[in-house]
Amino acid sequence: MTQPATPARRNDPAGPPKTSPPRRGDPRAAPGARADVRTLSLLGVLAALIAVGGLTRPEEFLATSNLQLVLTQASVIGVVTVGMTFVITSGGIDLSVGAIVALSSVWATTVATQEYGFTGILFTAVAVGVGCGLVNGVLIAYGGMVPFIATIAMLASARGLALQITDGKTQIVTVDSVLDLGVKDANILGVPPLVLVFAVVVALGWLLLNRTTFGRRTLAVGGNPEAARLAGIDVRRQRLYLYLLSGLCCGIAAFMLIVLSGSGQNTNGNLYELDAIAAAIIGGTLLSGGRGTIAGSLLGVLIFTTITNIFALNNLESAVQQIAKGAIIVAAVLVQHRTLREGRGT
C-alpha cells in the first residue's frame, strides 16, 4: 500500500522562518519613515517661519494680499523646481534654468510674437523652453558632455541671446488676455490663477515620479545607471526626456513670469538655478541621484519664498538673505551625507 506523501520538513518546528526586523544601517530600515520625519521637519520649519513673520510684522505678513503674494511668487520658481527635482533625481544637474526662463520670456514678448496674441506668447515661451531642454539633453545624453559643463554653456548662450533680442531693454506686454490673468479679478475663489497652475504642475509631477514607469526609470537611472542599462532601460533616452521636461517647466514658468510682471526682460530668472536646486535639496532630493520628492521640493520652495518675504517686510538687506539661503543649503547637504552614512551602517 502506497504511503501518503509527507510534507517537507520545515526549518522551524514551530512554523515557517520569520523575517527579522531590519536593523539600523539595513537598507530596508524604514525609508518611508525617514521621509515622513523629513516632511514633518520641513512643515515645522515652515510653521516656525510663519510664526516669525506673524510676530515681527503681524498686520503686513498675515494679510490675505501678502499671503497671496507669497504663493504667487512661489509658483514661478516652484514650477522650475519641479523640473529640477526630476533632473537631480536622475543624477544630473541643470544650471541653465534661469537663463532659459529669461530667453523664453523675451522671445515670447517680442512685437512679432505678440501679434499672435495669447496663444502665440504661450506657445513661444513653451517652445523655446523645450528647445533649450532638447539641446541640453542631446549634449548630455548623446554627446557625452558632463551636465555641469553642458548647462553652463546653455546658461551663457541663453543669457547672451536674451540680451541680444532685447538690446538691454524691457519688452512691455500689450496683450490684454495675458495681462488679465495677473489682476485680482482673475482670482478663482480667492486663489490667483498662477497658484492654480503651480498646483496642477506639482500634482502632475508627483504622479509622474511616484506612480508611473517614467518615474521608476528616473529613480533607477539616478541610483545606478549601469544597473538600469542592464535592466533594459534606455538610459540616454531617459536623460533626454528629463532635460526636455526641465525645459518645459522653464517655458511654463516664463509665461507665468510674463503674466506676473507684464513684460519680458533679459534679467528674468536671475539665480533661479540656485533657488531651484536649494529647494529640491532641502526637500530631500539627493544630489547624487536615486531619490527625489516632489512634496519635499514644494515645501522647500515655500520655505525659501517665505524667508524672502519676511526679509522684505523687515527691510533686511538682500545680501543677508543670500547668506541665509547658502547656510540652509550647506545644512541640508550635511544632513543628507549623515543620512547616507547611517544608511550604509558606517
C-alpha atoms as a PDB file:
ATOM      1  CA  MET A   1       0.000   0.000   0.000  1.00  0.00           C
ATOM      2  CA  THR A   2       1.349   3.356  -1.030  1.00  0.00           C
ATOM      3  CA  GLN A   3       2.043   5.672   1.851  1.00  0.00           C
ATOM      4  CA  PRO A   4       0.744   9.264   1.564  1.00  0.00           C
ATOM      5  CA  ALA A   5       3.390  11.809   0.797  1.00  0.00           C
ATOM      6  CA  THR A   6       4.603  13.589   3.872  1.00  0.00           C
ATOM      7  CA  PRO A   7       5.088  17.365   3.843  1.00  0.00           C
ATOM      8  CA  ALA A   8       8.618  18.627   3.600  1.00  0.00           C
ATOM      9  CA  ARG A   9      10.298  19.252   6.905  1.00  0.00           C
ATOM     10  CA  ARG A  10      10.252  22.868   7.990  1.00  0.00           C
ATOM     11  CA  ASN A  11      13.278  24.617   9.302  1.00  0.00           C
ATOM     12  CA  ASP A  12      11.426  25.622  12.441  1.00  0.00           C
ATOM     13  CA  PRO A  13       9.054  23.116  14.131  1.00  0.00           C
ATOM     14  CA  ALA A  14       7.003  25.989  15.456  1.00  0.00           C
ATOM     15  CA  GLY A  15       6.335  27.396  11.979  1.00  0.00           C
ATOM     16  CA  PRO A  16       7.990  28.892   8.922  1.00  0.00           C
ATOM     17  CA  PRO A  17      11.041  31.044   9.441  1.00  0.00           C
ATOM     18  CA  LYS A  18      10.258  34.622  10.240  1.00  0.00           C
ATOM     19  CA  THR A  19      11.991  37.608   8.708  1.00  0.00           C
ATOM     20  CA  SER A  20      13.955  39.512  11.289  1.00  0.00           C
ATOM     21  CA  PRO A  21      13.159  43.196  11.572  1.00  0.00           C
ATOM     22  CA  PRO A  22      15.559  45.468   9.725  1.00  0.00           C
ATOM     23  CA  ARG A  23      18.399  46.716  11.847  1.00  0.00           C
ATOM     24  CA  ARG A  24      19.884  50.173  11.826  1.00  0.00           C
ATOM     25  CA  GLY A  25      22.071  50.503   8.754  1.00  0.00           C
ATOM     26  CA  ASP A  26      19.979  47.939   6.837  1.00  0.00           C
ATOM     27  CA  PRO A  27      18.794  49.495   3.549  1.00  0.00           C
ATOM     28  CA  ARG A  28      15.326  48.136   4.377  1.00  0.00           C
ATOM     29  CA  ALA A  29      15.222  50.203   7.538  1.00  0.00           C
ATOM     30  CA  ALA A  30      12.077  52.277   7.107  1.00  0.00           C
ATOM     31  CA  PRO A  31      12.897  54.660   4.254  1.00  0.00           C
ATOM     32  CA  GLY A  32       9.261  55.733   4.322  1.00  0.00           C
ATOM     33  CA  ALA A  33       9.552  56.601   7.992  1.00  0.00           C
ATOM     34  CA  ARG A  34      12.598  58.779   7.327  1.00  0.00           C
ATOM     35  CA  ALA A  35      10.684  60.535   4.553  1.00  0.00           C
ATOM     36  CA  ASP A  36       7.783  61.176   6.937  1.00  0.00           C
ATOM     37  CA  VAL A  37      10.144  62.604   9.554  1.00  0.00           C
ATOM     38  CA  ARG A  38      11.775  64.815   6.941  1.00  0.00           C
ATOM     39  CA  THR A  39       8.397  66.104   5.736  1.00  0.00           C
ATOM     40  CA  LEU A  40       7.275  66.808   9.286  1.00  0.00           C
ATOM     41  CA  SER A  41      10.542  68.624   9.940  1.00  0.00           C
ATOM     42  CA  LEU A  42      10.025  70.825   6.883  1.00  0.00           C
ATOM     43  CA  LEU A  43       6.466  71.554   7.956  1.00  0.00           C
ATOM     44  CA  GLY A  44       7.837  72.521  11.361  1.00  0.00           C
ATOM     45  CA  VAL A  45      10.358  74.899   9.778  1.00  0.00           C
ATOM     46  CA  LEU A  46       7.631  76.465   7.630  1.00  0.00           C
ATOM     47  CA  ALA A  47       5.369  76.861  10.654  1.00  0.00           C
ATOM     48  CA  ALA A  48       8.224  78.493  12.592  1.00  0.00           C
ATOM     49  CA  LEU A  49       8.824  80.955   9.747  1.00  0.00           C
ATOM     50  CA  ILE A  50       5.133  81.825   9.631  1.00  0.00           C
ATOM     51  CA  ALA A  51       5.247  82.434  13.376  1.00  0.00           C
ATOM     52  CA  VAL A  52       8.286  84.697  12.967  1.00  0.00           C
ATOM     53  CA  GLY A  53       6.552  86.655  10.226  1.00  0.00           C
ATOM     54  CA  GLY A  54       3.404  86.932  12.296  1.00  0.00           C
ATOM     55  CA  LEU A  55       5.314  88.188  15.326  1.00  0.00           C
ATOM     56  CA  THR A  56       7.581  90.673  13.544  1.00  0.00           C
ATOM     57  CA  ARG A  57       5.052  92.112  11.072  1.00  0.00           C
ATOM     58  CA  PRO A  58       1.632  90.763  12.054  1.00  0.00           C
ATOM     59  CA  GLU A  59      -0.534  93.183  10.099  1.00  0.00           C
ATOM     60  CA  GLU A  60       1.501  93.031   6.894  1.00  0.00           C
ATOM     61  CA  PHE A  61       2.591  89.378   6.903  1.00  0.00           C
ATOM     62  CA  LEU A  62      -0.751  87.819   7.835  1.00  0.00           C
ATOM     63  CA  ALA A  63      -2.741  89.980   5.421  1.00  0.00           C
ATOM     64  CA  THR A  64      -4.580  87.995   2.751  1.00  0.00           C
ATOM     65  CA  SER A  65      -2.952  90.030  -0.011  1.00  0.00           C
ATOM     66  CA  ASN A  66       0.532  89.216   1.312  1.00  0.00           C
ATOM     67  CA  LEU A  67      -0.204  85.504   1.611  1.00  0.00           C
ATOM     68  CA  GLN A  68      -1.490  85.550  -1.967  1.00  0.00           C
ATOM     69  CA  LEU A  69       1.711  87.320  -2.988  1.00  0.00           C
ATOM     70  CA  VAL A  70       3.876  84.686  -1.283  1.00  0.00           C
ATOM     71  CA  LEU A  71       2.045  81.863  -3.048  1.00  0.00           C
ATOM     72  CA  THR A  72       2.188  83.644  -6.394  1.00  0.00           C
ATOM     73  CA  GLN A  73       5.924  84.265  -6.119  1.00  0.00           C
ATOM     74  CA  ALA A  74       6.441  80.660  -5.058  1.00  0.00           C
ATOM     75  CA  SER A  75       4.517  79.479  -8.116  1.00  0.00           C
ATOM     76  CA  VAL A  76       7.025  80.671 -10.710  1.00  0.00           C
ATOM     77  CA  ILE A  77      10.159  79.257  -9.087  1.00  0.00           C
ATOM     78  CA  GLY A  78       8.115  76.264  -7.909  1.00  0.00           C
ATOM     79  CA  VAL A  79       7.355  75.138 -11.461  1.00  0.00           C
ATOM     80  CA  VAL A  80      11.075  75.363 -12.291  1.00  0.00           C
ATOM     81  CA  THR A  81      11.859  73.348  -9.149  1.00  0.00           C
ATOM     82  CA  VAL A  82       9.579  70.505 -10.228  1.00  0.00           C
ATOM     83  CA  GLY A  83      11.635  70.049 -13.389  1.00  0.00           C
ATOM     84  CA  MET A  84      14.877  70.430 -11.434  1.00  0.00           C
ATOM     85  CA  THR A  85      13.762  67.720  -8.999  1.00  0.00           C
ATOM     86  CA  PHE A  86      13.453  65.201 -11.830  1.00  0.00           C
ATOM     87  CA  VAL A  87      16.869  66.109 -13.232  1.00  0.00           C
ATOM     88  CA  ILE A  88      18.649  65.866  -9.869  1.00  0.00           C
ATOM     89  CA  THR A  89      16.842  62.614  -9.053  1.00  0.00           C
ATOM     90  CA  SER A  90      18.373  61.134 -12.212  1.00  0.00           C
ATOM     91  CA  GLY A  91      21.854  62.152 -11.044  1.00  0.00           C
ATOM     92  CA  GLY A  92      22.094  65.228 -13.272  1.00  0.00           C
ATOM     93  CA  ILE A  93      22.022  68.980 -12.752  1.00  0.00           C
ATOM     94  CA  ASP A  94      20.659  71.920 -14.742  1.00  0.00           C
ATOM     95  CA  LEU A  95      22.358  75.257 -14.136  1.00  0.00           C
ATOM     96  CA  SER A  96      20.687  76.909 -17.120  1.00  0.00           C
ATOM     97  CA  VAL A  97      17.083  77.087 -15.884  1.00  0.00           C
ATOM     98  CA  GLY A  98      17.213  80.788 -15.013  1.00  0.00           C
ATOM     99  CA  ALA A  99      18.701  81.711 -18.382  1.00  0.00           C
ATOM    100  CA  ILE A 100      16.145  79.547 -20.198  1.00  0.00           C
ATOM    101  CA  VAL A 101      13.343  81.365 -18.351  1.00  0.00           C
ATOM    102  CA  ALA A 102      14.850  84.698 -19.435  1.00  0.00           C
ATOM    103  CA  LEU A 103      15.235  83.657 -23.069  1.00  0.00           C
ATOM    104  CA  SER A 104      11.726  82.182 -23.191  1.00  0.00           C
ATOM    105  CA  SER A 105      10.206  85.315 -21.685  1.00  0.00           C
ATOM    106  CA  VAL A 106      11.896  87.777 -24.047  1.00  0.00           C
ATOM    107  CA  TRP A 107      11.325  85.659 -27.148  1.00  0.00           C
ATOM    108  CA  ALA A 108       7.645  85.357 -26.245  1.00  0.00           C
ATOM    109  CA  THR A 109       7.234  89.117 -25.747  1.00  0.00           C
ATOM    110  CA  THR A 110       8.735  90.425 -28.972  1.00  0.00           C
ATOM    111  CA  VAL A 111       6.451  92.614 -31.100  1.00  0.00           C
ATOM    112  CA  ALA A 112       6.248  89.904 -33.765  1.00  0.00           C
ATOM    113  CA  THR A 113       5.178  87.256 -31.244  1.00  0.00           C
ATOM    114  CA  GLN A 114       2.604  89.457 -29.517  1.00  0.00           C
ATOM    115  CA  GLU A 115       0.795  89.894 -32.835  1.00  0.00           C
ATOM    116  CA  TYR A 116      -0.403  86.295 -32.396  1.00  0.00           C
ATOM    117  CA  GLY A 117      -1.977  87.127 -29.036  1.00  0.00           C
ATOM    118  CA  PHE A 118      -2.296  84.864 -26.008  1.00  0.00           C
ATOM    119  CA  THR A 119      -1.709  81.635 -27.929  1.00  0.00           C
ATOM    120  CA  GLY A 120       1.403  82.966 -29.643  1.00  0.00           C
ATOM    121  CA  ILE A 121       3.005  84.102 -26.380  1.00  0.00           C
ATOM    122  CA  LEU A 122       2.230  80.862 -24.560  1.00  0.00           C
ATOM    123  CA  PHE A 123       3.346  78.645 -27.436  1.00  0.00           C
ATOM    124  CA  THR A 124       6.589  80.559 -27.957  1.00  0.00           C
ATOM    125  CA  ALA A 125       7.518  80.508 -24.271  1.00  0.00           C
ATOM    126  CA  VAL A 126       6.958  76.754 -24.027  1.00  0.00           C
ATOM    127  CA  ALA A 127       8.600  76.000 -27.385  1.00  0.00           C
ATOM    128  CA  VAL A 128      11.754  77.955 -26.529  1.00  0.00           C
ATOM    129  CA  GLY A 129      11.980  76.219 -23.138  1.00  0.00           C
ATOM    130  CA  VAL A 130      11.561  72.761 -24.670  1.00  0.00           C
ATOM    131  CA  GLY A 131      14.052  73.628 -27.423  1.00  0.00           C
ATOM    132  CA  CYS A 132      16.705  74.603 -24.888  1.00  0.00           C
ATOM    133  CA  GLY A 133      15.981  71.436 -22.920  1.00  0.00           C
ATOM    134  CA  LEU A 134      16.401  69.433 -26.124  1.00  0.00           C
ATOM    135  CA  VAL A 135      19.840  70.931 -26.729  1.00  0.00           C
ATOM    136  CA  ASN A 136      20.864  70.193 -23.137  1.00  0.00           C
ATOM    137  CA  GLY A 137      19.547  66.650 -23.361  1.00  0.00           C
ATOM    138  CA  VAL A 138      21.256  65.840 -26.660  1.00  0.00           C
ATOM    139  CA  LEU A 139      24.601  67.216 -25.493  1.00  0.00           C
ATOM    140  CA  ILE A 140      24.453  65.305 -22.212  1.00  0.00           C
ATOM    141  CA  ALA A 141      22.770  62.042 -23.218  1.00  0.00           C
ATOM    142  CA  TYR A 142      24.194  61.538 -26.702  1.00  0.00           C
ATOM    143  CA  GLY A 143      27.142  63.918 -26.773  1.00  0.00           C
ATOM    144  CA  GLY A 144      28.665  62.577 -23.573  1.00  0.00           C
ATOM    145  CA  MET A 145      29.081  66.018 -22.019  1.00  0.00           C
ATOM    146  CA  VAL A 146      29.082  66.444 -18.260  1.00  0.00           C
ATOM    147  CA  PRO A 147      25.767  68.050 -17.171  1.00  0.00           C
ATOM    148  CA  PHE A 148      27.613  70.807 -15.327  1.00  0.00           C
ATOM    149  CA  ILE A 149      29.527  71.868 -18.462  1.00  0.00           C
ATOM    150  CA  ALA A 150      26.624  71.497 -20.895  1.00  0.00           C
ATOM    151  CA  THR A 151      24.193  73.509 -18.798  1.00  0.00           C
ATOM    152  CA  ILE A 152      26.783  76.181 -18.006  1.00  0.00           C
ATOM    153  CA  ALA A 153      27.251  76.597 -21.763  1.00  0.00           C
ATOM    154  CA  MET A 154      23.484  76.880 -22.191  1.00  0.00           C
ATOM    155  CA  LEU A 155      23.348  79.428 -19.365  1.00  0.00           C
ATOM    156  CA  ALA A 156      25.860  81.677 -21.103  1.00  0.00           C
ATOM    157  CA  SER A 157      24.329  81.225 -24.548  1.00  0.00           C
ATOM    158  CA  ALA A 158      20.726  81.771 -23.451  1.00  0.00           C
ATOM    159  CA  ARG A 159      21.608  84.879 -21.441  1.00  0.00           C
ATOM    160  CA  GLY A 160      23.559  86.291 -24.348  1.00  0.00           C
ATOM    161  CA  LEU A 161      20.764  85.623 -26.838  1.00  0.00           C
ATOM    162  CA  ALA A 162      18.192  87.144 -24.485  1.00  0.00           C
ATOM    163  CA  LEU A 163      20.320  90.271 -24.201  1.00  0.00           C
ATOM    164  CA  GLN A 164      20.695  90.459 -27.973  1.00  0.00           C
ATOM    165  CA  ILE A 165      16.948  90.134 -28.549  1.00  0.00           C
ATOM    166  CA  THR A 166      16.052  92.879 -26.071  1.00  0.00           C
ATOM    167  CA  ASP A 167      19.103  95.080 -26.627  1.00  0.00           C
ATOM    168  CA  GLY A 168      19.031  95.535 -22.862  1.00  0.00           C
ATOM    169  CA  LYS A 169      15.509  96.986 -22.902  1.00  0.00           C
ATOM    170  CA  THR A 170      12.298  95.859 -21.234  1.00  0.00           C
ATOM    171  CA  GLN A 171       9.672  94.473 -23.611  1.00  0.00           C
ATOM    172  CA  ILE A 172       6.190  95.523 -22.473  1.00  0.00           C
ATOM    173  CA  VAL A 173       3.284  93.122 -22.996  1.00  0.00           C
ATOM    174  CA  THR A 174       0.255  94.697 -24.657  1.00  0.00           C
ATOM    175  CA  VAL A 175      -1.972  91.609 -24.961  1.00  0.00           C
ATOM    176  CA  ASP A 176      -4.882  92.154 -22.574  1.00  0.00           C
ATOM    177  CA  SER A 177      -5.815  88.469 -22.314  1.00  0.00           C
ATOM    178  CA  VAL A 178      -2.348  87.768 -20.878  1.00  0.00           C
ATOM    179  CA  LEU A 179      -2.303  90.741 -18.520  1.00  0.00           C
ATOM    180  CA  ASP A 180      -5.793  89.947 -17.217  1.00  0.00           C
ATOM    181  CA  LEU A 181      -4.502  86.729 -15.626  1.00  0.00           C
ATOM    182  CA  GLY A 182      -2.405  88.786 -13.226  1.00  0.00           C
ATOM    183  CA  VAL A 183      -5.152  91.054 -11.878  1.00  0.00           C
ATOM    184  CA  LYS A 184      -7.064  90.432  -8.685  1.00  0.00           C
ATOM    185  CA  ASP A 185     -10.369  89.980 -10.501  1.00  0.00           C
ATOM    186  CA  ALA A 186      -8.974  86.842 -12.154  1.00  0.00           C
ATOM    187  CA  ASN A 187      -8.690  85.046  -8.804  1.00  0.00           C
ATOM    188  CA  ILE A 188     -10.764  81.882  -8.504  1.00  0.00           C
ATOM    189  CA  LEU A 189     -12.277  81.582  -5.011  1.00  0.00           C
ATOM    190  CA  GLY A 190      -9.555  83.943  -3.823  1.00  0.00           C
ATOM    191  CA  VAL A 191      -6.758  81.889  -5.385  1.00  0.00           C
ATOM    192  CA  PRO A 192      -4.606  83.538  -8.098  1.00  0.00           C
ATOM    193  CA  PRO A 193      -4.556  81.641 -11.440  1.00  0.00           C
ATOM    194  CA  LEU A 194      -0.768  81.240 -11.288  1.00  0.00           C
ATOM    195  CA  VAL A 195      -1.103  79.392  -7.976  1.00  0.00           C
ATOM    196  CA  LEU A 196      -3.614  77.028  -9.558  1.00  0.00           C
ATOM    197  CA  VAL A 197      -1.183  76.370 -12.422  1.00  0.00           C
ATOM    198  CA  PHE A 198       1.543  75.627  -9.879  1.00  0.00           C
ATOM    199  CA  ALA A 199      -0.758  73.237  -8.028  1.00  0.00           C
ATOM    200  CA  VAL A 200      -1.526  71.354 -11.243  1.00  0.00           C
ATOM    201  CA  VAL A 201       2.182  71.098 -12.157  1.00  0.00           C
ATOM    202  CA  VAL A 202       3.035  69.810  -8.666  1.00  0.00           C
ATOM    203  CA  ALA A 203       0.225  67.236  -8.780  1.00  0.00           C
ATOM    204  CA  LEU A 204       1.256  66.005 -12.228  1.00  0.00           C
ATOM    205  CA  GLY A 205       4.913  65.941 -11.195  1.00  0.00           C
ATOM    206  CA  TRP A 206       4.100  63.880  -8.107  1.00  0.00           C
ATOM    207  CA  LEU A 207       2.063  61.388 -10.115  1.00  0.00           C
ATOM    208  CA  LEU A 208       4.754  61.155 -12.797  1.00  0.00           C
ATOM    209  CA  LEU A 209       7.547  60.490 -10.292  1.00  0.00           C
ATOM    210  CA  ASN A 210       5.684  58.192  -7.913  1.00  0.00           C
ATOM    211  CA  ARG A 211       3.034  56.398  -9.951  1.00  0.00           C
ATOM    212  CA  THR A 212       4.457  55.815 -13.425  1.00  0.00           C
ATOM    213  CA  THR A 213       7.113  53.765 -15.177  1.00  0.00           C
ATOM    214  CA  PHE A 214       8.798  57.020 -16.169  1.00  0.00           C
ATOM    215  CA  GLY A 215       9.304  57.871 -12.500  1.00  0.00           C
ATOM    216  CA  ARG A 216      10.670  54.433 -11.660  1.00  0.00           C
ATOM    217  CA  ARG A 217      13.098  54.665 -14.554  1.00  0.00           C
ATOM    218  CA  THR A 218      14.216  58.091 -13.362  1.00  0.00           C
ATOM    219  CA  LEU A 219      14.956  56.717  -9.902  1.00  0.00           C
ATOM    220  CA  ALA A 220      16.765  53.719 -11.381  1.00  0.00           C
ATOM    221  CA  VAL A 221      18.973  55.861 -13.628  1.00  0.00           C
ATOM    222  CA  GLY A 222      19.841  58.108 -10.701  1.00  0.00           C
ATOM    223  CA  GLY A 223      20.546  55.213  -8.360  1.00  0.00           C
ATOM    224  CA  ASN A 224      22.752  53.148 -10.677  1.00  0.00           C
ATOM    225  CA  PRO A 225      22.904  53.952 -14.416  1.00  0.00           C
ATOM    226  CA  GLU A 226      24.749  50.755 -15.310  1.00  0.00           C
ATOM    227  CA  ALA A 227      22.278  48.553 -13.447  1.00  0.00           C
ATOM    228  CA  ALA A 228      19.435  50.454 -15.110  1.00  0.00           C
ATOM    229  CA  ARG A 229      21.004  49.793 -18.513  1.00  0.00           C
ATOM    230  CA  LEU A 230      21.368  46.085 -17.771  1.00  0.00           C
ATOM    231  CA  ALA A 231      17.714  46.043 -16.698  1.00  0.00           C
ATOM    232  CA  GLY A 232      16.710  47.175 -20.176  1.00  0.00           C
ATOM    233  CA  ILE A 233      16.281  50.909 -19.597  1.00  0.00           C
ATOM    234  CA  ASP A 234      17.491  53.199 -22.363  1.00  0.00           C
ATOM    235  CA  VAL A 235      19.490  55.481 -20.080  1.00  0.00           C
ATOM    236  CA  ARG A 236      20.384  58.019 -22.757  1.00  0.00           C
ATOM    237  CA  ARG A 237      16.808  58.413 -23.939  1.00  0.00           C
ATOM    238  CA  GLN A 238      15.583  58.742 -20.344  1.00  0.00           C
ATOM    239  CA  ARG A 239      18.073  61.534 -19.668  1.00  0.00           C
ATOM    240  CA  LEU A 240      16.988  63.296 -22.849  1.00  0.00           C
ATOM    241  CA  TYR A 241      13.364  63.163 -21.703  1.00  0.00           C
ATOM    242  CA  LEU A 242      14.308  64.579 -18.305  1.00  0.00           C
ATOM    243  CA  TYR A 243      16.024  67.643 -19.755  1.00  0.00           C
ATOM    244  CA  LEU A 244      13.071  68.117 -22.095  1.00  0.00           C
ATOM    245  CA  LEU A 245      10.851  68.072 -19.007  1.00  0.00           C
ATOM    246  CA  SER A 246      13.060  70.633 -17.292  1.00  0.00           C
ATOM    247  CA  GLY A 247      12.883  72.873 -20.359  1.00  0.00           C
ATOM    248  CA  LEU A 248       9.106  72.504 -20.476  1.00  0.00           C
ATOM    249  CA  CYS A 249       8.845  73.632 -16.850  1.00  0.00           C
ATOM    250  CA  CYS A 250      11.075  76.624 -17.639  1.00  0.00           C
ATOM    251  CA  GLY A 251       8.824  77.584 -20.532  1.00  0.00           C
ATOM    252  CA  ILE A 252       5.720  77.410 -18.346  1.00  0.00           C
ATOM    253  CA  ALA A 253       7.466  79.438 -15.645  1.00  0.00           C
ATOM    254  CA  ALA A 254       8.487  82.047 -18.248  1.00  0.00           C
ATOM    255  CA  PHE A 255       4.866  82.516 -19.283  1.00  0.00           C
ATOM    256  CA  MET A 256       3.839  82.813 -15.630  1.00  0.00           C
ATOM    257  CA  LEU A 257       6.547  85.439 -15.120  1.00  0.00           C
ATOM    258  CA  ILE A 258       5.253  87.354 -18.146  1.00  0.00           C
ATOM    259  CA  VAL A 259       1.779  87.373 -16.608  1.00  0.00           C
ATOM    260  CA  LEU A 260       3.173  88.444 -13.243  1.00  0.00           C
ATOM    261  CA  SER A 261       5.418  91.260 -14.485  1.00  0.00           C
ATOM    262  CA  GLY A 262       3.652  92.215 -17.696  1.00  0.00           C
ATOM    263  CA  SER A 263       6.972  92.275 -19.521  1.00  0.00           C
ATOM    264  CA  GLY A 264       9.938  90.317 -20.795  1.00  0.00           C
ATOM    265  CA  GLN A 265      13.483  91.108 -19.661  1.00  0.00           C
ATOM    266  CA  ASN A 266      16.869  89.540 -20.209  1.00  0.00           C
ATOM    267  CA  THR A 267      17.399  89.656 -16.424  1.00  0.00           C
ATOM    268  CA  ASN A 268      14.395  87.442 -15.709  1.00  0.00           C
ATOM    269  CA  GLY A 269      15.106  84.222 -13.851  1.00  0.00           C
ATOM    270  CA  ASN A 270      18.239  85.566 -12.183  1.00  0.00           C
ATOM    271  CA  LEU A 271      19.573  82.984  -9.690  1.00  0.00           C
ATOM    272  CA  TYR A 272      16.598  80.687 -10.311  1.00  0.00           C
ATOM    273  CA  GLU A 273      19.052  77.800 -10.611  1.00  0.00           C
ATOM    274  CA  LEU A 274      20.255  78.465  -7.051  1.00  0.00           C
ATOM    275  CA  ASP A 275      16.746  78.655  -5.621  1.00  0.00           C
ATOM    276  CA  ALA A 276      15.504  75.580  -7.507  1.00  0.00           C
ATOM    277  CA  ILE A 277      18.474  73.408  -6.536  1.00  0.00           C
ATOM    278  CA  ALA A 278      18.304  74.602  -2.936  1.00  0.00           C
ATOM    279  CA  ALA A 279      14.567  73.927  -2.668  1.00  0.00           C
ATOM    280  CA  ALA A 280      14.976  70.425  -4.081  1.00  0.00           C
ATOM    281  CA  ILE A 281      17.892  69.612  -1.783  1.00  0.00           C
ATOM    282  CA  ILE A 282      16.312  70.773   1.447  1.00  0.00           C
ATOM    283  CA  GLY A 283      13.175  68.949   0.373  1.00  0.00           C
ATOM    284  CA  GLY A 284      15.064  65.654   0.439  1.00  0.00           C
ATOM    285  CA  THR A 285      16.172  65.087  -3.162  1.00  0.00           C
ATOM    286  CA  LEU A 286      19.660  63.577  -3.200  1.00  0.00           C
ATOM    287  CA  LEU A 287      22.318  65.478  -5.149  1.00  0.00           C
ATOM    288  CA  SER A 288      23.889  62.140  -6.039  1.00  0.00           C
ATOM    289  CA  GLY A 289      20.606  60.937  -7.536  1.00  0.00           C
ATOM    290  CA  GLY A 290      18.386  57.954  -6.844  1.00  0.00           C
ATOM    291  CA  ARG A 291      15.907  59.686  -4.574  1.00  0.00           C
ATOM    292  CA  GLY A 292      13.562  62.580  -5.193  1.00  0.00           C
ATOM    293  CA  THR A 293      10.447  64.018  -3.644  1.00  0.00           C
ATOM    294  CA  ILE A 294       8.059  66.494  -5.229  1.00  0.00           C
ATOM    295  CA  ALA A 295       6.286  67.127  -1.918  1.00  0.00           C
ATOM    296  CA  GLY A 296       9.592  67.971  -0.262  1.00  0.00           C
ATOM    297  CA  SER A 297      10.519  70.304  -3.120  1.00  0.00           C
ATOM    298  CA  LEU A 298       7.169  72.067  -2.708  1.00  0.00           C
ATOM    299  CA  LEU A 299       7.883  72.667   0.974  1.00  0.00           C
ATOM    300  CA  GLY A 300      11.404  73.822   0.127  1.00  0.00           C
ATOM    301  CA  VAL A 301      10.029  76.408  -2.299  1.00  0.00           C
ATOM    302  CA  LEU A 302       7.522  77.669   0.266  1.00  0.00           C
ATOM    303  CA  ILE A 303      10.254  77.927   2.910  1.00  0.00           C
ATOM    304  CA  PHE A 304      12.562  79.994   0.690  1.00  0.00           C
ATOM    305  CA  THR A 305       9.744  82.223  -0.553  1.00  0.00           C
ATOM    306  CA  THR A 306       8.570  82.841   2.996  1.00  0.00           C
ATOM    307  CA  ILE A 307      12.119  83.740   4.067  1.00  0.00           C
ATOM    308  CA  THR A 308      12.349  86.231   1.187  1.00  0.00           C
ATOM    309  CA  ASN A 309       9.012  87.776   2.141  1.00  0.00           C
ATOM    310  CA  ILE A 310       9.946  88.116   5.812  1.00  0.00           C
ATOM    311  CA  PHE A 311      13.263  89.741   4.903  1.00  0.00           C
ATOM    312  CA  ALA A 312      11.497  92.201   2.597  1.00  0.00           C
ATOM    313  CA  LEU A 313       8.867  93.134   5.178  1.00  0.00           C
ATOM    314  CA  ASN A 314      11.564  93.722   7.805  1.00  0.00           C
ATOM    315  CA  ASN A 315      13.700  95.801   5.404  1.00  0.00           C
ATOM    316  CA  LEU A 316      16.683  93.474   5.686  1.00  0.00           C
ATOM    317  CA  GLU A 317      19.401  93.509   3.048  1.00  0.00           C
ATOM    318  CA  SER A 318      19.212  91.018   0.198  1.00  0.00           C
ATOM    319  CA  ALA A 319      22.849  90.091   0.876  1.00  0.00           C
ATOM    320  CA  VAL A 320      21.848  88.719   4.284  1.00  0.00           C
ATOM    321  CA  GLN A 321      19.064  86.801   2.600  1.00  0.00           C
ATOM    322  CA  GLN A 322      21.515  85.123   0.210  1.00  0.00           C
ATOM    323  CA  ILE A 323      23.795  84.235   3.113  1.00  0.00           C
ATOM    324  CA  ALA A 324      20.864  82.640   4.937  1.00  0.00           C
ATOM    325  CA  LYS A 325      19.953  80.614   1.839  1.00  0.00           C
ATOM    326  CA  GLY A 326      23.550  79.459   1.471  1.00  0.00           C
ATOM    327  CA  ALA A 327      23.647  78.353   5.095  1.00  0.00           C
ATOM    328  CA  ILE A 328      20.419  76.386   4.629  1.00  0.00           C
ATOM    329  CA  ILE A 329      21.845  74.621   1.562  1.00  0.00           C
ATOM    330  CA  VAL A 330      25.027  73.627   3.431  1.00  0.00           C
ATOM    331  CA  ALA A 331      22.992  72.338   6.379  1.00  0.00           C
ATOM    332  CA  ALA A 332      20.724  70.308   4.073  1.00  0.00           C
ATOM    333  CA  VAL A 333      23.679  68.688   2.287  1.00  0.00           C
ATOM    334  CA  LEU A 334      25.340  67.820   5.602  1.00  0.00           C
ATOM    335  CA  VAL A 335      22.119  66.184   6.788  1.00  0.00           C
ATOM    336  CA  GLN A 336      21.960  64.202   3.531  1.00  0.00           C
ATOM    337  CA  HIS A 337      25.527  62.957   3.959  1.00  0.00           C
ATOM    338  CA  ARG A 338      24.815  61.914   7.523  1.00  0.00           C
ATOM    339  CA  THR A 339      21.685  60.068   6.448  1.00  0.00           C
ATOM    340  CA  LEU A 340      23.588  58.224   3.717  1.00  0.00           C
ATOM    341  CA  ARG A 341      26.336  57.207   6.142  1.00  0.00           C
ATOM    342  CA  GLU A 342      23.764  55.873   8.590  1.00  0.00           C
ATOM    343  CA  GLY A 343      22.054  54.006   5.757  1.00  0.00           C
ATOM    344  CA  ARG A 344      25.330  52.278   4.881  1.00  0.00           C
ATOM    345  CA  GLY A 345      25.982  51.493   8.533  1.00  0.00           C
ATOM    346  CA  THR A 346      29.245  53.463   8.606  1.00  0.00           C
END
